[in-house]
N, C-alpha and C. Protein backbone atom coordinates (compact mmCIF):
# COMPACT_ATOMS: atom_id res chain seq x y z
N MET A 1 -82.72 -25.55 -237.94
CA MET A 1 -82.51 -25.79 -236.53
C MET A 1 -83.79 -26.34 -235.89
N ASP A 2 -84.90 -25.72 -236.25
CA ASP A 2 -86.18 -26.16 -235.72
C ASP A 2 -86.46 -27.60 -236.10
N LEU A 3 -86.06 -27.98 -237.31
CA LEU A 3 -86.26 -29.33 -237.80
C LEU A 3 -85.56 -30.35 -236.91
N ALA A 4 -84.38 -30.02 -236.43
CA ALA A 4 -83.61 -30.93 -235.60
C ALA A 4 -84.10 -30.95 -234.15
N LEU A 5 -84.54 -29.82 -233.63
CA LEU A 5 -84.89 -29.72 -232.22
C LEU A 5 -86.35 -30.01 -231.89
N ARG A 6 -87.25 -29.83 -232.85
CA ARG A 6 -88.69 -29.96 -232.57
C ARG A 6 -89.07 -31.30 -231.94
N PRO A 7 -88.58 -32.44 -232.44
CA PRO A 7 -88.98 -33.70 -231.79
C PRO A 7 -88.55 -33.78 -230.32
N TYR A 8 -87.37 -33.25 -230.00
CA TYR A 8 -86.89 -33.31 -228.62
C TYR A 8 -87.65 -32.34 -227.72
N LEU A 9 -88.00 -31.17 -228.24
CA LEU A 9 -88.80 -30.22 -227.47
C LEU A 9 -90.20 -30.77 -227.23
N SER A 10 -90.76 -31.42 -228.24
CA SER A 10 -92.08 -32.04 -228.08
C SER A 10 -92.03 -33.16 -227.06
N LEU A 11 -90.95 -33.94 -227.09
CA LEU A 11 -90.79 -35.02 -226.12
C LEU A 11 -90.69 -34.46 -224.70
N ALA A 12 -89.88 -33.42 -224.51
CA ALA A 12 -89.74 -32.82 -223.19
C ALA A 12 -91.08 -32.26 -222.71
N ASN A 13 -91.82 -31.61 -223.60
CA ASN A 13 -93.13 -31.08 -223.27
C ASN A 13 -94.07 -32.20 -222.82
N TYR A 14 -94.08 -33.31 -223.55
CA TYR A 14 -94.95 -34.44 -223.20
C TYR A 14 -94.55 -35.03 -221.85
N ILE A 15 -93.26 -35.23 -221.64
CA ILE A 15 -92.78 -35.84 -220.38
C ILE A 15 -93.17 -34.96 -219.19
N ILE A 16 -92.98 -33.67 -219.33
CA ILE A 16 -93.33 -32.75 -218.23
C ILE A 16 -94.83 -32.76 -217.97
N LYS A 17 -95.62 -32.66 -219.04
CA LYS A 17 -97.08 -32.61 -218.87
C LYS A 17 -97.67 -33.92 -218.37
N SER A 18 -97.00 -35.03 -218.62
CA SER A 18 -97.55 -36.31 -218.17
C SER A 18 -97.02 -36.75 -216.81
N THR A 19 -95.76 -36.43 -216.49
CA THR A 19 -95.20 -36.92 -215.23
C THR A 19 -95.42 -35.97 -214.05
N VAL A 20 -95.42 -34.67 -214.29
CA VAL A 20 -95.59 -33.75 -213.17
C VAL A 20 -96.93 -33.96 -212.47
N PRO A 21 -98.06 -34.04 -213.19
CA PRO A 21 -99.32 -34.31 -212.49
C PRO A 21 -99.33 -35.67 -211.79
N ALA A 22 -98.67 -36.66 -212.37
CA ALA A 22 -98.62 -37.98 -211.75
C ALA A 22 -97.78 -37.96 -210.47
N ALA A 23 -96.76 -37.12 -210.43
CA ALA A 23 -95.90 -37.04 -209.25
C ALA A 23 -96.48 -36.16 -208.16
N ASP A 24 -97.39 -35.26 -208.50
CA ASP A 24 -97.98 -34.32 -207.54
C ASP A 24 -99.03 -35.05 -206.70
N GLN A 25 -98.61 -35.61 -205.59
CA GLN A 25 -99.49 -36.45 -204.77
C GLN A 25 -100.56 -35.66 -204.03
N ASP A 26 -100.25 -34.44 -203.60
CA ASP A 26 -101.24 -33.66 -202.85
C ASP A 26 -102.04 -32.71 -203.75
N ALA A 27 -101.85 -32.78 -205.05
CA ALA A 27 -102.60 -32.00 -206.05
C ALA A 27 -102.59 -30.49 -205.78
N ASP A 28 -101.43 -29.97 -205.36
CA ASP A 28 -101.33 -28.53 -205.13
C ASP A 28 -100.62 -27.81 -206.29
N ASN A 29 -100.40 -28.51 -207.38
CA ASN A 29 -99.72 -27.98 -208.57
C ASN A 29 -98.30 -27.54 -208.29
N LYS A 30 -97.70 -28.07 -207.24
CA LYS A 30 -96.31 -27.81 -206.90
C LYS A 30 -95.67 -29.14 -206.54
N LEU A 31 -94.42 -29.33 -206.97
CA LEU A 31 -93.70 -30.55 -206.63
C LEU A 31 -92.74 -30.28 -205.49
N SER A 32 -92.87 -31.07 -204.45
CA SER A 32 -91.92 -30.97 -203.35
C SER A 32 -90.81 -31.99 -203.59
N MET A 33 -89.72 -31.85 -202.88
CA MET A 33 -88.62 -32.80 -203.02
C MET A 33 -89.08 -34.20 -202.62
N GLU A 34 -89.93 -34.29 -201.63
CA GLU A 34 -90.46 -35.59 -201.20
C GLU A 34 -91.28 -36.25 -202.31
N GLU A 35 -92.10 -35.46 -203.00
CA GLU A 35 -92.90 -36.00 -204.11
C GLU A 35 -92.02 -36.47 -205.26
N ILE A 36 -90.97 -35.73 -205.54
CA ILE A 36 -90.05 -36.12 -206.61
C ILE A 36 -89.34 -37.42 -206.26
N LEU A 37 -88.86 -37.51 -205.03
CA LEU A 37 -88.11 -38.70 -204.62
C LEU A 37 -88.99 -39.94 -204.49
N SER A 38 -90.26 -39.76 -204.19
CA SER A 38 -91.15 -40.91 -204.02
C SER A 38 -91.95 -41.22 -205.29
N PHE A 39 -91.65 -40.52 -206.39
CA PHE A 39 -92.41 -40.73 -207.63
C PHE A 39 -92.17 -42.13 -208.19
N SER A 40 -93.26 -42.74 -208.63
CA SER A 40 -93.20 -44.03 -209.30
C SER A 40 -94.12 -43.97 -210.50
N ASP A 41 -93.68 -44.53 -211.62
CA ASP A 41 -94.51 -44.49 -212.82
C ASP A 41 -95.42 -45.71 -212.93
N SER A 42 -95.60 -46.45 -211.86
CA SER A 42 -96.41 -47.67 -211.91
C SER A 42 -97.89 -47.40 -212.19
N ASN A 43 -98.38 -46.20 -211.86
CA ASN A 43 -99.78 -45.87 -212.12
C ASN A 43 -100.02 -45.25 -213.49
N MET A 44 -98.96 -45.01 -214.22
CA MET A 44 -99.09 -44.36 -215.53
C MET A 44 -99.34 -45.41 -216.60
N ASP A 45 -100.25 -45.10 -217.55
CA ASP A 45 -100.54 -46.02 -218.65
C ASP A 45 -99.34 -46.16 -219.59
N VAL A 46 -98.75 -45.02 -219.94
CA VAL A 46 -97.58 -45.02 -220.82
C VAL A 46 -96.38 -44.62 -219.97
N LYS A 47 -95.42 -45.52 -219.87
CA LYS A 47 -94.23 -45.27 -219.04
C LYS A 47 -93.29 -44.29 -219.75
N PRO A 48 -92.69 -43.36 -219.02
CA PRO A 48 -91.78 -42.39 -219.64
C PRO A 48 -90.63 -43.05 -220.41
N HIS A 49 -90.09 -44.15 -219.89
CA HIS A 49 -88.96 -44.78 -220.58
C HIS A 49 -89.38 -45.41 -221.91
N GLU A 50 -90.65 -45.78 -222.05
CA GLU A 50 -91.14 -46.32 -223.32
C GLU A 50 -91.22 -45.23 -224.39
N VAL A 51 -91.49 -44.02 -223.96
CA VAL A 51 -91.61 -42.90 -224.90
C VAL A 51 -90.23 -42.35 -225.27
N THR A 52 -89.33 -42.27 -224.31
CA THR A 52 -88.03 -41.66 -224.57
C THR A 52 -87.05 -42.60 -225.24
N GLY A 53 -87.24 -43.89 -225.14
CA GLY A 53 -86.31 -44.87 -225.71
C GLY A 53 -85.98 -44.63 -227.17
N PRO A 54 -86.97 -44.54 -228.06
CA PRO A 54 -86.65 -44.33 -229.48
C PRO A 54 -85.89 -43.03 -229.75
N PHE A 55 -86.16 -41.98 -228.97
CA PHE A 55 -85.47 -40.71 -229.18
C PHE A 55 -84.02 -40.77 -228.74
N LEU A 56 -83.76 -41.46 -227.65
CA LEU A 56 -82.42 -41.46 -227.07
C LEU A 56 -81.53 -42.57 -227.63
N TYR A 57 -82.10 -43.71 -227.96
CA TYR A 57 -81.29 -44.84 -228.40
C TYR A 57 -81.30 -45.04 -229.90
N GLU A 58 -82.26 -44.46 -230.62
CA GLU A 58 -82.31 -44.54 -232.07
C GLU A 58 -82.66 -43.16 -232.65
N PRO A 59 -81.81 -42.16 -232.40
CA PRO A 59 -82.17 -40.80 -232.84
C PRO A 59 -82.12 -40.67 -234.37
N ASN A 60 -82.96 -39.79 -234.87
CA ASN A 60 -82.97 -39.47 -236.29
C ASN A 60 -81.96 -38.34 -236.52
N MET A 61 -80.84 -38.67 -237.11
CA MET A 61 -79.77 -37.69 -237.29
C MET A 61 -79.86 -36.96 -238.63
N ILE A 62 -80.82 -37.31 -239.49
CA ILE A 62 -80.91 -36.69 -240.81
C ILE A 62 -81.04 -35.17 -240.72
N PRO A 63 -81.88 -34.61 -239.83
CA PRO A 63 -81.94 -33.13 -239.76
C PRO A 63 -80.60 -32.49 -239.41
N VAL A 64 -79.84 -33.13 -238.54
CA VAL A 64 -78.53 -32.59 -238.15
C VAL A 64 -77.57 -32.67 -239.33
N TRP A 65 -77.56 -33.80 -240.02
CA TRP A 65 -76.69 -33.96 -241.20
C TRP A 65 -77.10 -33.00 -242.31
N TYR A 66 -78.42 -32.77 -242.45
CA TYR A 66 -78.91 -31.83 -243.46
C TYR A 66 -78.41 -30.42 -243.16
N MET A 67 -78.50 -30.01 -241.90
CA MET A 67 -78.05 -28.66 -241.54
C MET A 67 -76.54 -28.52 -241.67
N GLY A 68 -75.82 -29.64 -241.68
CA GLY A 68 -74.37 -29.61 -241.91
C GLY A 68 -73.99 -29.71 -243.37
N GLY A 69 -75.00 -29.95 -244.26
CA GLY A 69 -74.72 -30.05 -245.68
C GLY A 69 -74.24 -31.41 -246.13
N HIS A 70 -74.35 -32.42 -245.28
CA HIS A 70 -73.85 -33.75 -245.63
C HIS A 70 -74.84 -34.57 -246.44
N VAL A 71 -76.13 -34.29 -246.29
CA VAL A 71 -77.19 -35.01 -247.02
C VAL A 71 -78.25 -33.99 -247.43
N ASP A 72 -79.16 -34.45 -248.33
CA ASP A 72 -80.28 -33.57 -248.66
C ASP A 72 -81.39 -33.78 -247.64
N PHE A 73 -82.52 -33.12 -247.85
CA PHE A 73 -83.62 -33.16 -246.89
C PHE A 73 -84.12 -34.57 -246.63
N TYR A 74 -83.94 -35.48 -247.60
CA TYR A 74 -84.43 -36.85 -247.47
C TYR A 74 -83.36 -37.83 -247.00
N GLY A 75 -82.17 -37.33 -246.70
CA GLY A 75 -81.10 -38.18 -246.18
C GLY A 75 -80.21 -38.80 -247.24
N VAL A 76 -80.31 -38.32 -248.48
CA VAL A 76 -79.50 -38.88 -249.57
C VAL A 76 -78.17 -38.12 -249.65
N GLU A 77 -77.07 -38.87 -249.65
CA GLU A 77 -75.75 -38.26 -249.73
C GLU A 77 -75.44 -37.83 -251.16
N PRO A 78 -74.62 -36.80 -251.34
CA PRO A 78 -74.26 -36.36 -252.70
C PRO A 78 -73.37 -37.40 -253.39
N ASN A 79 -73.51 -37.49 -254.71
CA ASN A 79 -72.73 -38.46 -255.48
C ASN A 79 -71.47 -37.87 -256.08
N THR A 80 -71.49 -36.59 -256.39
CA THR A 80 -70.34 -35.95 -257.04
C THR A 80 -69.79 -34.84 -256.16
N GLU A 81 -68.59 -34.41 -256.51
CA GLU A 81 -67.95 -33.32 -255.77
C GLU A 81 -68.74 -32.02 -255.94
N GLU A 82 -69.26 -31.81 -257.15
CA GLU A 82 -70.07 -30.62 -257.42
C GLU A 82 -71.32 -30.60 -256.54
N GLU A 83 -71.93 -31.76 -256.38
CA GLU A 83 -73.14 -31.86 -255.55
C GLU A 83 -72.80 -31.63 -254.07
N LYS A 84 -71.62 -32.10 -253.64
CA LYS A 84 -71.19 -31.86 -252.25
C LYS A 84 -71.03 -30.36 -251.99
N ILE A 85 -70.42 -29.67 -252.95
CA ILE A 85 -70.22 -28.22 -252.80
C ILE A 85 -71.57 -27.52 -252.77
N ARG A 86 -72.49 -27.94 -253.64
CA ARG A 86 -73.82 -27.32 -253.69
C ARG A 86 -74.56 -27.52 -252.36
N LYS A 87 -74.49 -28.73 -251.80
CA LYS A 87 -75.17 -29.01 -250.53
C LYS A 87 -74.52 -28.23 -249.39
N SER A 88 -73.21 -28.09 -249.44
CA SER A 88 -72.52 -27.31 -248.41
C SER A 88 -72.93 -25.85 -248.46
N ARG A 89 -73.03 -25.30 -249.67
CA ARG A 89 -73.46 -23.91 -249.82
C ARG A 89 -74.91 -23.74 -249.37
N ARG A 90 -75.73 -24.74 -249.67
CA ARG A 90 -77.14 -24.69 -249.24
C ARG A 90 -77.23 -24.69 -247.71
N ALA A 91 -76.37 -25.50 -247.06
CA ALA A 91 -76.36 -25.55 -245.60
C ALA A 91 -75.96 -24.19 -245.02
N ILE A 92 -74.96 -23.56 -245.62
CA ILE A 92 -74.54 -22.23 -245.15
C ILE A 92 -75.68 -21.24 -245.31
N ALA A 93 -76.38 -21.31 -246.43
CA ALA A 93 -77.53 -20.41 -246.66
C ALA A 93 -78.62 -20.66 -245.63
N ASN A 94 -78.87 -21.93 -245.29
CA ASN A 94 -79.88 -22.26 -244.27
C ASN A 94 -79.51 -21.66 -242.92
N TRP A 95 -78.24 -21.77 -242.55
CA TRP A 95 -77.80 -21.21 -241.27
C TRP A 95 -77.91 -19.69 -241.27
N LEU A 96 -77.55 -19.05 -242.39
CA LEU A 96 -77.65 -17.59 -242.46
C LEU A 96 -79.10 -17.13 -242.35
N VAL A 97 -80.01 -17.85 -243.00
CA VAL A 97 -81.43 -17.51 -242.90
C VAL A 97 -81.91 -17.70 -241.46
N ALA A 98 -81.47 -18.77 -240.80
CA ALA A 98 -81.87 -19.01 -239.42
C ALA A 98 -81.37 -17.88 -238.51
N PHE A 99 -80.11 -17.49 -238.67
CA PHE A 99 -79.56 -16.41 -237.84
C PHE A 99 -80.23 -15.07 -238.15
N GLN A 100 -80.56 -14.84 -239.42
CA GLN A 100 -81.26 -13.62 -239.79
C GLN A 100 -82.63 -13.56 -239.13
N GLY A 101 -83.32 -14.70 -239.08
CA GLY A 101 -84.61 -14.76 -238.41
C GLY A 101 -84.50 -14.46 -236.93
N VAL A 102 -83.44 -14.97 -236.30
CA VAL A 102 -83.23 -14.69 -234.88
C VAL A 102 -82.97 -13.20 -234.67
N MET A 103 -82.15 -12.61 -235.53
CA MET A 103 -81.81 -11.20 -235.36
C MET A 103 -83.01 -10.29 -235.61
N ARG A 104 -83.94 -10.71 -236.46
CA ARG A 104 -85.12 -9.89 -236.73
C ARG A 104 -86.19 -10.07 -235.66
N ASP A 105 -86.10 -11.11 -234.88
CA ASP A 105 -87.10 -11.38 -233.85
C ASP A 105 -87.03 -10.27 -232.80
N PRO A 106 -88.16 -9.67 -232.44
CA PRO A 106 -88.16 -8.57 -231.47
C PRO A 106 -87.57 -8.96 -230.11
N SER A 107 -87.62 -10.23 -229.76
CA SER A 107 -87.06 -10.65 -228.48
C SER A 107 -85.56 -10.40 -228.40
N PHE A 108 -84.89 -10.45 -229.56
CA PHE A 108 -83.44 -10.31 -229.58
C PHE A 108 -82.99 -8.92 -229.99
N SER A 109 -83.93 -8.07 -230.42
CA SER A 109 -83.54 -6.76 -230.94
C SER A 109 -83.51 -5.68 -229.86
N GLY A 110 -83.88 -6.02 -228.65
CA GLY A 110 -83.88 -5.03 -227.59
C GLY A 110 -85.13 -4.19 -227.55
N ALA A 111 -86.16 -4.57 -228.29
CA ALA A 111 -87.41 -3.82 -228.30
C ALA A 111 -88.10 -3.95 -226.94
N ASN A 112 -88.90 -2.95 -226.60
CA ASN A 112 -89.66 -3.00 -225.35
C ASN A 112 -90.85 -3.94 -225.52
N HIS A 113 -91.11 -4.71 -224.50
CA HIS A 113 -92.22 -5.65 -224.51
C HIS A 113 -93.23 -5.24 -223.44
N GLY A 114 -94.46 -5.67 -223.60
CA GLY A 114 -95.50 -5.33 -222.64
C GLY A 114 -95.25 -5.88 -221.24
N HIS A 115 -94.53 -7.00 -221.16
CA HIS A 115 -94.29 -7.61 -219.85
C HIS A 115 -92.98 -7.11 -219.20
N CYS A 116 -92.21 -6.27 -219.89
CA CYS A 116 -90.97 -5.74 -219.33
C CYS A 116 -91.25 -4.46 -218.54
N LEU A 117 -90.51 -4.27 -217.48
CA LEU A 117 -90.65 -3.06 -216.69
C LEU A 117 -90.01 -1.88 -217.43
N GLN A 118 -90.69 -0.77 -217.44
CA GLN A 118 -90.19 0.44 -218.08
C GLN A 118 -89.51 1.31 -217.02
N GLN A 119 -88.25 1.58 -217.22
CA GLN A 119 -87.52 2.46 -216.33
C GLN A 119 -87.57 3.89 -216.91
N GLY A 120 -87.88 4.84 -216.11
CA GLY A 120 -87.91 6.16 -216.72
C GLY A 120 -88.08 7.26 -215.84
């Protein structure tokens, strides 16, 4: 899952970190509706649409196909029926490992965290 989402999360992180300061005209680290509506990327060296274009119009679907068991890690499709079954089983194993990791993560187990309020 991380393999498929990481490029998009990195892109969102970059867009936010590069455009928010450019849109913040009064440098108060807060964006007002007026600042958002009047934002122009003309002062930016790298335009947001130049960065997002390859991700949105030419996405790399191999990680998604891999997680579905349709191709191997390098994007090669199976040649035989036996290989298709093996890749499908591998995909199921990958998903089970991913879900097991989520379930073991303390954030999802209901454990108390230092930043959570203790009722008592």
